[in-house]
Full PDB file with SEQRES, HELIX, SHEET, SSBOND, CRYST1, ORIGX, SCALE, CONECT and MASTER records, all heavy atoms in Angstrom:
SEQRES   1 A   43  LEU LEU ASP ALA GLU GLY THR ARG TRP GLN ASP GLY PRO          
SEQRES   2 A   43  LEU ALA LEU ALA ALA ARG HIS GLY ALA ILE CYS TYR LEU          
SEQRES   3 A   43  ASP GLU ILE VAL GLU ALA ARG PRO ASP ALA LEU VAL ALA          
SEQRES   4 A   43  VAL HIS PRO LEU                                              
HELIX    1 AA1 PRO A   13  HIS A   20  1                                   8    
HELIX    2 AA2 ILE A   29  GLU A   31  5                                   3    
HELIX    3 AA3 PRO A   34  VAL A   40  1                                   7    
SHEET    1 AA1 2 LEU A   2  ASP A   3  0                                        
SHEET    2 AA1 2 GLY A   6  THR A   7 -1                                        
CRYST1    1.000    1.000    1.000  90.00  90.00  90.00 P 1           1          
ORIGX1      1.000000  0.000000  0.000000        0.00000                         
ORIGX2      0.000000  1.000000  0.000000        0.00000                         
ORIGX3      0.000000  0.000000  1.000000        0.00000                         
SCALE1      1.000000  0.000000  0.000000        0.00000                         
SCALE2      0.000000  1.000000  0.000000        0.00000                         
SCALE3      0.000000  0.000000  1.000000        0.00000                         
ATOM      1  N   LEU A   1     -37.681 -40.463  78.366  1.00  0.00           N  
ATOM      2  CA  LEU A   1     -37.068 -41.410  79.306  1.00  0.00           C  
ATOM      3  C   LEU A   1     -38.136 -41.941  80.255  1.00  0.00           C  
ATOM      4  O   LEU A   1     -39.108 -41.252  80.580  1.00  0.00           O  
ATOM      5  CB  LEU A   1     -35.967 -40.718  80.126  1.00  0.00           C  
ATOM      6  CG  LEU A   1     -34.779 -40.155  79.340  1.00  0.00           C  
ATOM      7  CD1 LEU A   1     -33.792 -39.494  80.305  1.00  0.00           C  
ATOM      8  CD2 LEU A   1     -34.074 -41.229  78.518  1.00  0.00           C  
ATOM      9  N   LEU A   2     -37.939 -43.166  80.712  1.00  0.00           N  
ATOM     10  CA  LEU A   2     -38.847 -43.805  81.634  1.00  0.00           C  
ATOM     11  C   LEU A   2     -38.146 -43.937  82.974  1.00  0.00           C  
ATOM     12  O   LEU A   2     -37.042 -44.474  83.073  1.00  0.00           O  
ATOM     13  CB  LEU A   2     -39.251 -45.191  81.115  1.00  0.00           C  
ATOM     14  CG  LEU A   2     -40.195 -46.004  82.004  1.00  0.00           C  
ATOM     15  CD1 LEU A   2     -41.536 -45.298  82.147  1.00  0.00           C  
ATOM     16  CD2 LEU A   2     -40.369 -47.409  81.445  1.00  0.00           C  
ATOM     17  N   ASP A   3     -38.785 -43.398  84.040  1.00  0.00           N  
ATOM     18  CA  ASP A   3     -38.228 -43.560  85.378  1.00  0.00           C  
ATOM     19  C   ASP A   3     -39.346 -43.939  86.345  1.00  0.00           C  
ATOM     20  O   ASP A   3     -40.466 -44.280  85.897  1.00  0.00           O  
ATOM     21  CB  ASP A   3     -37.497 -42.293  85.847  1.00  0.00           C  
ATOM     22  CG  ASP A   3     -38.383 -41.053  85.841  1.00  0.00           C  
ATOM     23  OD1 ASP A   3     -39.625 -41.196  85.915  1.00  0.00           O  
ATOM     24  OD2 ASP A   3     -37.851 -39.932  85.774  1.00  0.00           O  
ATOM     25  N   ALA A   4     -39.079 -43.871  87.645  1.00  0.00           N  
ATOM     26  CA  ALA A   4     -40.041 -44.316  88.656  1.00  0.00           C  
ATOM     27  C   ALA A   4     -41.323 -43.492  88.627  1.00  0.00           C  
ATOM     28  O   ALA A   4     -42.383 -43.965  89.057  1.00  0.00           O  
ATOM     29  CB  ALA A   4     -39.409 -44.300  90.028  1.00  0.00           C  
ATOM     30  N   GLU A   5     -41.227 -42.264  88.140  1.00  0.00           N  
ATOM     31  CA  GLU A   5     -42.395 -41.375  88.118  1.00  0.00           C  
ATOM     32  C   GLU A   5     -43.125 -41.368  86.797  1.00  0.00           C  
ATOM     33  O   GLU A   5     -44.068 -40.621  86.596  1.00  0.00           O  
ATOM     34  CB  GLU A   5     -41.947 -39.948  88.476  1.00  0.00           C  
ATOM     35  CG  GLU A   5     -41.327 -39.830  89.875  1.00  0.00           C  
ATOM     36  CD  GLU A   5     -40.898 -38.422  90.184  1.00  0.00           C  
ATOM     37  OE1 GLU A   5     -41.066 -37.538  89.316  1.00  0.00           O  
ATOM     38  OE2 GLU A   5     -40.401 -38.201  91.309  1.00  0.00           O  
ATOM     39  N   GLY A   6     -42.669 -42.194  85.868  1.00  0.00           N  
ATOM     40  CA  GLY A   6     -43.301 -42.256  84.570  1.00  0.00           C  
ATOM     41  C   GLY A   6     -42.352 -41.835  83.452  1.00  0.00           C  
ATOM     42  O   GLY A   6     -41.138 -42.029  83.544  1.00  0.00           O  
ATOM     43  N   THR A   7     -42.916 -41.242  82.406  1.00  0.00           N  
ATOM     44  CA  THR A   7     -42.084 -40.792  81.297  1.00  0.00           C  
ATOM     45  C   THR A   7     -41.824 -39.297  81.401  1.00  0.00           C  
ATOM     46  O   THR A   7     -42.669 -38.539  81.861  1.00  0.00           O  
ATOM     47  CB  THR A   7     -42.768 -41.098  79.947  1.00  0.00           C  
ATOM     48  OG1 THR A   7     -44.050 -40.458  79.923  1.00  0.00           O  
ATOM     49  CG2 THR A   7     -42.924 -42.580  79.727  1.00  0.00           C  
ATOM     50  N   ARG A   8     -40.645 -38.909  80.987  1.00  0.00           N  
ATOM     51  CA  ARG A   8     -40.296 -37.482  80.970  1.00  0.00           C  
ATOM     52  C   ARG A   8     -39.394 -37.216  79.782  1.00  0.00           C  
ATOM     53  O   ARG A   8     -38.637 -38.085  79.342  1.00  0.00           O  
ATOM     54  CB  ARG A   8     -39.610 -37.067  82.265  1.00  0.00           C  
ATOM     55  CG  ARG A   8     -38.290 -37.783  82.515  1.00  0.00           C  
ATOM     56  CD  ARG A   8     -37.675 -37.362  83.845  1.00  0.00           C  
ATOM     57  NE  ARG A   8     -36.447 -38.099  84.133  1.00  0.00           N  
ATOM     58  CZ  ARG A   8     -35.237 -37.767  83.663  1.00  0.00           C  
ATOM     59  NH1 ARG A   8     -35.100 -36.662  82.918  1.00  0.00           N  
ATOM     60  NH2 ARG A   8     -34.169 -38.494  83.937  1.00  0.00           N  
ATOM     61  N   TRP A   9     -39.494 -36.009  79.249  1.00  0.00           N  
ATOM     62  CA  TRP A   9     -38.675 -35.608  78.122  1.00  0.00           C  
ATOM     63  C   TRP A   9     -37.330 -35.086  78.608  1.00  0.00           C  
ATOM     64  O   TRP A   9     -37.254 -34.301  79.550  1.00  0.00           O  
ATOM     65  CB  TRP A   9     -39.361 -34.523  77.296  1.00  0.00           C  
ATOM     66  CG  TRP A   9     -38.514 -33.982  76.190  1.00  0.00           C  
ATOM     67  CD1 TRP A   9     -37.788 -32.834  76.192  1.00  0.00           C  
ATOM     68  CD2 TRP A   9     -38.274 -34.607  74.918  1.00  0.00           C  
ATOM     69  NE1 TRP A   9     -37.116 -32.670  74.992  1.00  0.00           N  
ATOM     70  CE2 TRP A   9     -37.399 -33.752  74.190  1.00  0.00           C  
ATOM     71  CE3 TRP A   9     -38.723 -35.782  74.325  1.00  0.00           C  
ATOM     72  CZ2 TRP A   9     -36.974 -34.047  72.907  1.00  0.00           C  
ATOM     73  CZ3 TRP A   9     -38.310 -36.078  73.044  1.00  0.00           C  
ATOM     74  CH2 TRP A   9     -37.438 -35.223  72.335  1.00  0.00           C  
ATOM     75  N   GLN A  10     -36.266 -35.530  77.954  1.00  0.00           N  
ATOM     76  CA  GLN A  10     -34.933 -34.984  78.262  1.00  0.00           C  
ATOM     77  C   GLN A  10     -34.350 -34.353  77.013  1.00  0.00           C  
ATOM     78  O   GLN A  10     -34.182 -35.018  75.989  1.00  0.00           O  
ATOM     79  CB  GLN A  10     -34.004 -36.101  78.755  1.00  0.00           C  
ATOM     80  CG  GLN A  10     -32.591 -35.618  79.030  1.00  0.00           C  
ATOM     81  CD  GLN A  10     -31.724 -36.651  79.664  1.00  0.00           C  
ATOM     82  OE1 GLN A  10     -31.928 -37.012  80.837  1.00  0.00           O  
ATOM     83  NE2 GLN A  10     -30.754 -37.182  78.927  1.00  0.00           N  
ATOM     84  N   ASP A  11     -34.038 -33.062  77.110  1.00  0.00           N  
ATOM     85  CA  ASP A  11     -33.439 -32.359  75.987  1.00  0.00           C  
ATOM     86  C   ASP A  11     -32.099 -32.976  75.609  1.00  0.00           C  
ATOM     87  O   ASP A  11     -31.300 -33.338  76.482  1.00  0.00           O  
ATOM     88  CB  ASP A  11     -33.193 -30.888  76.334  1.00  0.00           C  
ATOM     89  CG  ASP A  11     -34.433 -30.034  76.207  1.00  0.00           C  
ATOM     90  OD1 ASP A  11     -35.374 -30.443  75.541  1.00  0.00           O  
ATOM     91  OD2 ASP A  11     -34.438 -28.928  76.798  1.00  0.00           O  
ATOM     92  N   GLY A  12     -31.818 -33.065  74.314  1.00  0.00           N  
ATOM     93  CA  GLY A  12     -30.501 -33.394  73.841  1.00  0.00           C  
ATOM     94  C   GLY A  12     -29.630 -32.137  73.914  1.00  0.00           C  
ATOM     95  O   GLY A  12     -30.100 -31.030  74.216  1.00  0.00           O  
ATOM     96  N   PRO A  13     -28.342 -32.260  73.634  1.00  0.00           N  
ATOM     97  CA  PRO A  13     -27.430 -31.121  73.795  1.00  0.00           C  
ATOM     98  C   PRO A  13     -27.791 -29.916  72.914  1.00  0.00           C  
ATOM     99  O   PRO A  13     -27.644 -28.776  73.363  1.00  0.00           O  
ATOM    100  CB  PRO A  13     -26.069 -31.707  73.415  1.00  0.00           C  
ATOM    101  CG  PRO A  13     -26.357 -32.951  72.661  1.00  0.00           C  
ATOM    102  CD  PRO A  13     -27.632 -33.480  73.220  1.00  0.00           C  
ATOM    103  N   LEU A  14     -28.259 -30.144  71.703  1.00  0.00           N  
ATOM    104  CA  LEU A  14     -28.620 -29.023  70.843  1.00  0.00           C  
ATOM    105  C   LEU A  14     -29.843 -28.313  71.387  1.00  0.00           C  
ATOM    106  O   LEU A  14     -29.908 -27.074  71.413  1.00  0.00           O  
ATOM    107  CB  LEU A  14     -28.869 -29.526  69.417  1.00  0.00           C  
ATOM    108  CG  LEU A  14     -29.225 -28.451  68.382  1.00  0.00           C  
ATOM    109  CD1 LEU A  14     -28.113 -27.420  68.248  1.00  0.00           C  
ATOM    110  CD2 LEU A  14     -29.521 -29.105  67.023  1.00  0.00           C  
ATOM    111  N   ALA A  15     -30.855 -29.066  71.788  1.00  0.00           N  
ATOM    112  CA  ALA A  15     -32.066 -28.464  72.358  1.00  0.00           C  
ATOM    113  C   ALA A  15     -31.756 -27.746  73.674  1.00  0.00           C  
ATOM    114  O   ALA A  15     -32.291 -26.662  73.929  1.00  0.00           O  
ATOM    115  CB  ALA A  15     -33.123 -29.546  72.589  1.00  0.00           C  
ATOM    116  N   LEU A  16     -30.879 -28.327  74.490  1.00  0.00           N  
ATOM    117  CA  LEU A  16     -30.512 -27.700  75.743  1.00  0.00           C  
ATOM    118  C   LEU A  16     -29.857 -26.354  75.499  1.00  0.00           C  
ATOM    119  O   LEU A  16     -30.202 -25.341  76.163  1.00  0.00           O  
ATOM    120  CB  LEU A  16     -29.538 -28.616  76.493  1.00  0.00           C  
ATOM    121  CG  LEU A  16     -28.997 -28.113  77.832  1.00  0.00           C  
ATOM    122  CD1 LEU A  16     -30.091 -28.156  78.890  1.00  0.00           C  
ATOM    123  CD2 LEU A  16     -27.808 -28.968  78.280  1.00  0.00           C  
ATOM    124  N   ALA A  17     -28.930 -26.312  74.549  1.00  0.00           N  
ATOM    125  CA  ALA A  17     -28.235 -25.045  74.264  1.00  0.00           C  
ATOM    126  C   ALA A  17     -29.194 -24.014  73.681  1.00  0.00           C  
ATOM    127  O   ALA A  17     -29.135 -22.836  74.043  1.00  0.00           O  
ATOM    128  CB  ALA A  17     -27.095 -25.300  73.278  1.00  0.00           C  
ATOM    129  N   ALA A  18     -30.064 -24.417  72.770  1.00  0.00           N  
ATOM    130  CA  ALA A  18     -30.989 -23.493  72.148  1.00  0.00           C  
ATOM    131  C   ALA A  18     -31.995 -22.949  73.153  1.00  0.00           C  
ATOM    132  O   ALA A  18     -32.358 -21.766  73.127  1.00  0.00           O  
ATOM    133  CB  ALA A  18     -31.731 -24.190  70.995  1.00  0.00           C  
ATOM    134  N   ARG A  19     -32.447 -23.792  74.049  1.00  0.00           N  
ATOM    135  CA  ARG A  19     -33.471 -23.392  75.018  1.00  0.00           C  
ATOM    136  C   ARG A  19     -32.920 -22.408  76.060  1.00  0.00           C  
ATOM    137  O   ARG A  19     -33.603 -21.457  76.450  1.00  0.00           O  
ATOM    138  CB  ARG A  19     -34.034 -24.641  75.719  1.00  0.00           C  
ATOM    139  CG  ARG A  19     -35.265 -24.361  76.583  1.00  0.00           C  
ATOM    140  CD  ARG A  19     -35.657 -25.597  77.375  1.00  0.00           C  
ATOM    141  NE  ARG A  19     -35.959 -26.756  76.570  1.00  0.00           N  
ATOM    142  CZ  ARG A  19     -37.145 -27.009  76.009  1.00  0.00           C  
ATOM    143  NH1 ARG A  19     -38.141 -26.132  76.153  1.00  0.00           N  
ATOM    144  NH2 ARG A  19     -37.342 -28.116  75.314  1.00  0.00           N  
ATOM    145  N   HIS A  20     -31.677 -22.610  76.494  1.00  0.00           N  
ATOM    146  CA  HIS A  20     -31.153 -21.866  77.616  1.00  0.00           C  
ATOM    147  C   HIS A  20     -30.063 -20.857  77.268  1.00  0.00           C  
ATOM    148  O   HIS A  20     -29.577 -20.138  78.137  1.00  0.00           O  
ATOM    149  CB  HIS A  20     -30.634 -22.826  78.686  1.00  0.00           C  
ATOM    150  CG  HIS A  20     -31.680 -23.733  79.246  1.00  0.00           C  
ATOM    151  ND1 HIS A  20     -32.665 -23.287  80.108  1.00  0.00           N  
ATOM    152  CD2 HIS A  20     -31.919 -25.051  79.054  1.00  0.00           C  
ATOM    153  CE1 HIS A  20     -33.463 -24.288  80.439  1.00  0.00           C  
ATOM    154  NE2 HIS A  20     -33.037 -25.369  79.819  1.00  0.00           N  
ATOM    155  N   GLY A  21     -29.659 -20.809  76.015  1.00  0.00           N  
ATOM    156  CA  GLY A  21     -28.739 -19.753  75.586  1.00  0.00           C  
ATOM    157  C   GLY A  21     -27.266 -20.060  75.717  1.00  0.00           C  
ATOM    158  O   GLY A  21     -26.499 -19.211  76.164  1.00  0.00           O  
ATOM    159  N   ALA A  22     -26.879 -21.261  75.300  1.00  0.00           N  
ATOM    160  CA  ALA A  22     -25.447 -21.609  75.275  1.00  0.00           C  
ATOM    161  C   ALA A  22     -24.935 -21.548  73.836  1.00  0.00           C  
ATOM    162  O   ALA A  22     -25.710 -21.419  72.885  1.00  0.00           O  
ATOM    163  CB  ALA A  22     -25.241 -23.008  75.831  1.00  0.00           C  
ATOM    164  N   ILE A  23     -23.628 -21.621  73.703  1.00  0.00           N  
ATOM    165  CA  ILE A  23     -23.029 -21.867  72.393  1.00  0.00           C  
ATOM    166  C   ILE A  23     -22.967 -23.386  72.214  1.00  0.00           C  
ATOM    167  O   ILE A  23     -22.472 -24.090  73.102  1.00  0.00           O  
ATOM    168  CB  ILE A  23     -21.602 -21.268  72.302  1.00  0.00           C  
ATOM    169  CG1 ILE A  23     -21.666 -19.745  72.433  1.00  0.00           C  
ATOM    170  CG2 ILE A  23     -20.922 -21.666  70.985  1.00  0.00           C  
ATOM    171  CD1 ILE A  23     -20.279 -19.096  72.526  1.00  0.00           C  
ATOM    172  N   CYS A  24     -23.513 -23.878  71.133  1.00  0.00           N  
ATOM    173  CA  CYS A  24     -23.477 -25.324  70.863  1.00  0.00           C  
ATOM    174  C   CYS A  24     -22.423 -25.578  69.792  1.00  0.00           C  
ATOM    175  O   CYS A  24     -22.473 -24.984  68.709  1.00  0.00           O  
ATOM    176  CB  CYS A  24     -24.837 -25.831  70.386  1.00  0.00           C  
ATOM    177  SG  CYS A  24     -24.876 -27.629  70.157  1.00  0.00           S  
ATOM    178  N   TYR A  25     -21.471 -26.434  70.115  1.00  0.00           N  
ATOM    179  CA  TYR A  25     -20.358 -26.738  69.211  1.00  0.00           C  
ATOM    180  C   TYR A  25     -20.469 -28.176  68.719  1.00  0.00           C  
ATOM    181  O   TYR A  25     -20.333 -29.128  69.521  1.00  0.00           O  
ATOM    182  CB  TYR A  25     -19.040 -26.535  69.943  1.00  0.00           C  
ATOM    183  CG  TYR A  25     -17.807 -26.888  69.161  1.00  0.00           C  
ATOM    184  CD1 TYR A  25     -17.633 -26.438  67.844  1.00  0.00           C  
ATOM    185  CD2 TYR A  25     -16.798 -27.653  69.737  1.00  0.00           C  
ATOM    186  CE1 TYR A  25     -16.488 -26.766  67.137  1.00  0.00           C  
ATOM    187  CE2 TYR A  25     -15.659 -27.961  69.035  1.00  0.00           C  
ATOM    188  CZ  TYR A  25     -15.511 -27.518  67.726  1.00  0.00           C  
ATOM    189  OH  TYR A  25     -14.381 -27.856  67.016  1.00  0.00           O  
ATOM    190  N   LEU A  26     -20.726 -28.356  67.436  1.00  0.00           N  
ATOM    191  CA  LEU A  26     -20.807 -29.669  66.829  1.00  0.00           C  
ATOM    192  C   LEU A  26     -19.457 -29.987  66.192  1.00  0.00           C  
ATOM    193  O   LEU A  26     -19.172 -29.532  65.075  1.00  0.00           O  
ATOM    194  CB  LEU A  26     -21.947 -29.712  65.785  1.00  0.00           C  
ATOM    195  CG  LEU A  26     -23.323 -29.316  66.313  1.00  0.00           C  
ATOM    196  CD1 LEU A  26     -24.355 -29.391  65.179  1.00  0.00           C  
ATOM    197  CD2 LEU A  26     -23.737 -30.193  67.488  1.00  0.00           C  
ATOM    198  N   ASP A  27     -18.661 -30.704  66.905  1.00  0.00           N  
ATOM    199  CA  ASP A  27     -17.294 -31.029  66.465  1.00  0.00           C  
ATOM    200  C   ASP A  27     -17.335 -32.131  65.404  1.00  0.00           C  
ATOM    201  O   ASP A  27     -17.939 -33.188  65.630  1.00  0.00           O  
ATOM    202  CB  ASP A  27     -16.465 -31.459  67.670  1.00  0.00           C  
ATOM    203  CG  ASP A  27     -14.985 -31.608  67.365  1.00  0.00           C  
ATOM    204  OD1 ASP A  27     -14.555 -31.119  66.301  1.00  0.00           O  
ATOM    205  OD2 ASP A  27     -14.276 -32.227  68.181  1.00  0.00           O  
ATOM    206  N   GLU A  28     -16.689 -31.904  64.254  1.00  0.00           N  
ATOM    207  CA  GLU A  28     -16.673 -32.840  63.121  1.00  0.00           C  
ATOM    208  C   GLU A  28     -18.110 -33.165  62.703  1.00  0.00           C  
ATOM    209  O   GLU A  28     -18.518 -34.323  62.594  1.00  0.00           O  
ATOM    210  CB  GLU A  28     -15.907 -34.099  63.483  1.00  0.00           C  
ATOM    211  CG  GLU A  28     -14.423 -33.875  63.703  1.00  0.00           C  
ATOM    212  CD  GLU A  28     -13.671 -33.378  62.463  1.00  0.00           C  
ATOM    213  OE1 GLU A  28     -14.216 -33.499  61.360  1.00  0.00           O  
ATOM    214  OE2 GLU A  28     -12.563 -32.836  62.620  1.00  0.00           O  
ATOM    215  N   ILE A  29     -18.847 -32.133  62.386  1.00  0.00           N  
ATOM    216  CA  ILE A  29     -20.258 -32.274  62.041  1.00  0.00           C  
ATOM    217  C   ILE A  29     -20.453 -33.172  60.814  1.00  0.00           C  
ATOM    218  O   ILE A  29     -21.484 -33.858  60.674  1.00  0.00           O  
ATOM    219  CB  ILE A  29     -20.888 -30.888  61.781  1.00  0.00           C  
ATOM    220  CG1 ILE A  29     -22.395 -31.010  61.566  1.00  0.00           C  
ATOM    221  CG2 ILE A  29     -20.212 -30.168  60.631  1.00  0.00           C  
ATOM    222  CD1 ILE A  29     -23.111 -29.672  61.413  1.00  0.00           C  
ATOM    223  N   VAL A  30     -19.466 -33.214  59.940  1.00  0.00           N  
ATOM    224  CA  VAL A  30     -19.584 -33.998  58.726  1.00  0.00           C  
ATOM    225  C   VAL A  30     -19.722 -35.500  59.012  1.00  0.00           C  
ATOM    226  O   VAL A  30     -20.223 -36.254  58.179  1.00  0.00           O  
ATOM    227  CB  VAL A  30     -18.381 -33.734  57.793  1.00  0.00           C  
ATOM    228  CG1 VAL A  30     -17.135 -34.357  58.349  1.00  0.00           C  
ATOM    229  CG2 VAL A  30     -18.652 -34.207  56.382  1.00  0.00           C  
ATOM    230  N   GLU A  31     -19.318 -35.933  60.208  1.00  0.00           N  
ATOM    231  CA  GLU A  31     -19.382 -37.342  60.562  1.00  0.00           C  
ATOM    232  C   GLU A  31     -20.790 -37.768  60.978  1.00  0.00           C  
ATOM    233  O   GLU A  31     -21.066 -38.973  61.031  1.00  0.00           O  
ATOM    234  CB  GLU A  31     -18.399 -37.657  61.691  1.00  0.00           C  
ATOM    235  CG  GLU A  31     -16.938 -37.390  61.357  1.00  0.00           C  
ATOM    236  CD  GLU A  31     -16.426 -38.281  60.231  1.00  0.00           C  
ATOM    237  OE1 GLU A  31     -16.969 -39.379  60.051  1.00  0.00           O  
ATOM    238  OE2 GLU A  31     -15.466 -37.863  59.547  1.00  0.00           O  
ATOM    239  N   ALA A  32     -21.650 -36.823  61.323  1.00  0.00           N  
ATOM    240  CA  ALA A  32     -22.992 -37.156  61.798  1.00  0.00           C  
ATOM    241  C   ALA A  32     -23.865 -37.691  60.674  1.00  0.00           C  
ATOM    242  O   ALA A  32     -23.581 -37.490  59.485  1.00  0.00           O  
ATOM    243  CB  ALA A  32     -23.660 -35.947  62.424  1.00  0.00           C  
ATOM    244  N   ARG A  33     -24.916 -38.387  61.025  1.00  0.00           N  
ATOM    245  CA  ARG A  33     -25.835 -38.948  60.051  1.00  0.00           C  
ATOM    246  C   ARG A  33     -26.631 -37.833  59.349  1.00  0.00           C  
ATOM    247  O   ARG A  33     -26.811 -36.755  59.910  1.00  0.00           O  
ATOM    248  CB  ARG A  33     -26.794 -39.930  60.721  1.00  0.00           C  
ATOM    249  CG  ARG A  33     -26.119 -41.209  61.208  1.00  0.00           C  
ATOM    250  CD  ARG A  33     -27.168 -42.203  61.698  1.00  0.00           C  
ATOM    251  NE  ARG A  33     -26.540 -43.430  62.151  1.00  0.00           N  
ATOM    252  CZ  ARG A  33     -27.197 -44.505  62.557  1.00  0.00           C  
ATOM    253  NH1 ARG A  33     -28.539 -44.479  62.596  1.00  0.00           N  
ATOM    254  NH2 ARG A  33     -26.558 -45.571  62.952  1.00  0.00           N  
ATOM    255  N   PRO A  34     -27.106 -38.081  58.155  1.00  0.00           N  
ATOM    256  CA  PRO A  34     -27.833 -37.056  57.397  1.00  0.00           C  
ATOM    257  C   PRO A  34     -29.019 -36.467  58.154  1.00  0.00           C  
ATOM    258  O   PRO A  34     -29.268 -35.244  58.064  1.00  0.00           O  
ATOM    259  CB  PRO A  34     -28.277 -37.784  56.129  1.00  0.00           C  
ATOM    260  CG  PRO A  34     -27.242 -38.847  55.921  1.00  0.00           C  
ATOM    261  CD  PRO A  34     -26.874 -39.298  57.319  1.00  0.00           C  
ATOM    262  N   ASP A  35     -29.757 -37.278  58.914  1.00  0.00           N  
ATOM    263  CA  ASP A  35     -30.911 -36.742  59.630  1.00  0.00           C  
ATOM    264  C   ASP A  35     -30.494 -35.764  60.718  1.00  0.00           C  
ATOM    265  O   ASP A  35     -31.230 -34.816  61.034  1.00  0.00           O  
ATOM    266  CB  ASP A  35     -31.768 -37.866  60.223  1.00  0.00           C  
ATOM    267  CG  ASP A  35     -31.059 -38.643  61.313  1.00  0.00           C  
ATOM    268  OD1 ASP A  35     -29.923 -39.111  61.057  1.00  0.00           O  
ATOM    269  OD2 ASP A  35     -31.609 -38.783  62.411  1.00  0.00           O  
ATOM    270  N   ALA A  36     -29.294 -35.967  61.280  1.00  0.00           N  
ATOM    271  CA  ALA A  36     -28.788 -35.031  62.297  1.00  0.00           C  
ATOM    272  C   ALA A  36     -28.440 -33.699  61.666  1.00  0.00           C  
ATOM    273  O   ALA A  36     -28.688 -32.610  62.236  1.00  0.00           O  
ATOM    274  CB  ALA A  36     -27.575 -35.621  63.010  1.00  0.00           C  
ATOM    275  N   LEU A  37     -27.856 -33.747  60.455  1.00  0.00           N  
ATOM    276  CA  LEU A  37     -27.509 -32.502  59.747  1.00  0.00           C  
ATOM    277  C   LEU A  37     -28.760 -31.714  59.401  1.00  0.00           C  
ATOM    278  O   LEU A  37     -28.797 -30.489  59.576  1.00  0.00           O  
ATOM    279  CB  LEU A  37     -26.721 -32.828  58.480  1.00  0.00           C  
ATOM    280  CG  LEU A  37     -25.374 -33.559  58.679  1.00  0.00           C  
ATOM    281  CD1 LEU A  37     -24.716 -33.839  57.336  1.00  0.00           C  
ATOM    282  CD2 LEU A  37     -24.455 -32.720  59.557  1.00  0.00           C  
ATOM    283  N   VAL A  38     -29.773 -32.379  58.928  1.00  0.00           N  
ATOM    284  CA  VAL A  38     -31.038 -31.698  58.568  1.00  0.00           C  
ATOM    285  C   VAL A  38     -31.679 -31.078  59.814  1.00  0.00           C  
ATOM    286  O   VAL A  38     -32.305 -30.012  59.725  1.00  0.00           O  
ATOM    287  CB  VAL A  38     -31.982 -32.681  57.881  1.00  0.00           C  
ATOM    288  CG1 VAL A  38     -33.357 -32.033  57.671  1.00  0.00           C  
ATOM    289  CG2 VAL A  38     -31.415 -33.144  56.547  1.00  0.00           C  
ATOM    290  N   ALA A  39     -31.514 -31.723  60.961  1.00  0.00           N  
ATOM    291  CA  ALA A  39     -32.162 -31.236  62.183  1.00  0.00           C  
ATOM    292  C   ALA A  39     -31.677 -29.853  62.584  1.00  0.00           C  
ATOM    293  O   ALA A  39     -32.405 -29.095  63.233  1.00  0.00           O  
ATOM    294  CB  ALA A  39     -31.935 -32.219  63.324  1.00  0.00           C  
ATOM    295  N   VAL A  40     -30.429 -29.489  62.226  1.00  0.00           N  
ATOM    296  CA  VAL A  40     -29.905 -28.188  62.631  1.00  0.00           C  
ATOM    297  C   VAL A  40     -30.375 -27.053  61.711  1.00  0.00           C  
ATOM    298  O   VAL A  40     -30.238 -25.883  62.070  1.00  0.00           O  
ATOM    299  CB  VAL A  40     -28.348 -28.194  62.694  1.00  0.00           C  
ATOM    300  CG1 VAL A  40     -27.835 -29.361  63.520  1.00  0.00           C  
ATOM    301  CG2 VAL A  40     -27.739 -28.192  61.313  1.00  0.00           C  
ATOM    302  N   HIS A  41     -30.913 -27.389  60.549  1.00  0.00           N  
ATOM    303  CA  HIS A  41     -31.238 -26.354  59.563  1.00  0.00           C  
ATOM    304  C   HIS A  41     -32.152 -25.252  60.093  1.00  0.00           C  
ATOM    305  O   HIS A  41     -31.893 -24.066  59.815  1.00  0.00           O  
ATOM    306  CB  HIS A  41     -31.847 -27.004  58.317  1.00  0.00           C  
ATOM    307  CG  HIS A  41     -30.825 -27.710  57.459  1.00  0.00           C  
ATOM    308  ND1 HIS A  41     -31.147 -28.269  56.245  1.00  0.00           N  
ATOM    309  CD2 HIS A  41     -29.502 -27.953  57.645  1.00  0.00           C  
ATOM    310  CE1 HIS A  41     -30.042 -28.820  55.728  1.00  0.00           C  
ATOM    311  NE2 HIS A  41     -29.043 -28.638  56.560  1.00  0.00           N  
ATOM    312  N   PRO A  42     -33.235 -25.564  60.818  1.00  0.00           N  
ATOM    313  CA  PRO A  42     -34.118 -24.469  61.270  1.00  0.00           C  
ATOM    314  C   PRO A  42     -33.450 -23.484  62.232  1.00  0.00           C  
ATOM    315  O   PRO A  42     -33.948 -22.379  62.426  1.00  0.00           O  
ATOM    316  CB  PRO A  42     -35.270 -25.225  61.964  1.00  0.00           C  
ATOM    317  CG  PRO A  42     -35.243 -26.591  61.397  1.00  0.00           C  
ATOM    318  CD  PRO A  42     -33.802 -26.887  61.151  1.00  0.00           C  
ATOM    319  N   LEU A  43     -32.322 -23.894  62.831  1.00  0.00           N  
ATOM    320  CA  LEU A  43     -31.619 -22.996  63.745  1.00  0.00           C  
ATOM    321  C   LEU A  43     -30.618 -22.111  63.003  1.00  0.00           C  
ATOM    322  O   LEU A  43     -30.048 -21.195  63.609  1.00  0.00           O  
ATOM    323  CB  LEU A  43     -30.862 -23.807  64.808  1.00  0.00           C  
ATOM    324  CG  LEU A  43     -31.706 -24.392  65.956  1.00  0.00           C  
ATOM    325  CD1 LEU A  43     -30.853 -25.332  66.776  1.00  0.00           C  
ATOM    326  CD2 LEU A  43     -32.293 -23.272  66.821  1.00  0.00           C  
TER     327      LEU A  43                                                      
MASTER        0    0    0    3    2    0    0    6  326    1    0    4          
END                                                                             
């Protein structure tokens, strides 16, 4: 993201949950694009 202080990384919901220890719930996962499905495989 770009803001007044420059660029900064913002975690998406899956990264946020994995980093801090939440349960991540992907509701109707079958509707997501193929690249999104592949992204969850390493977890």
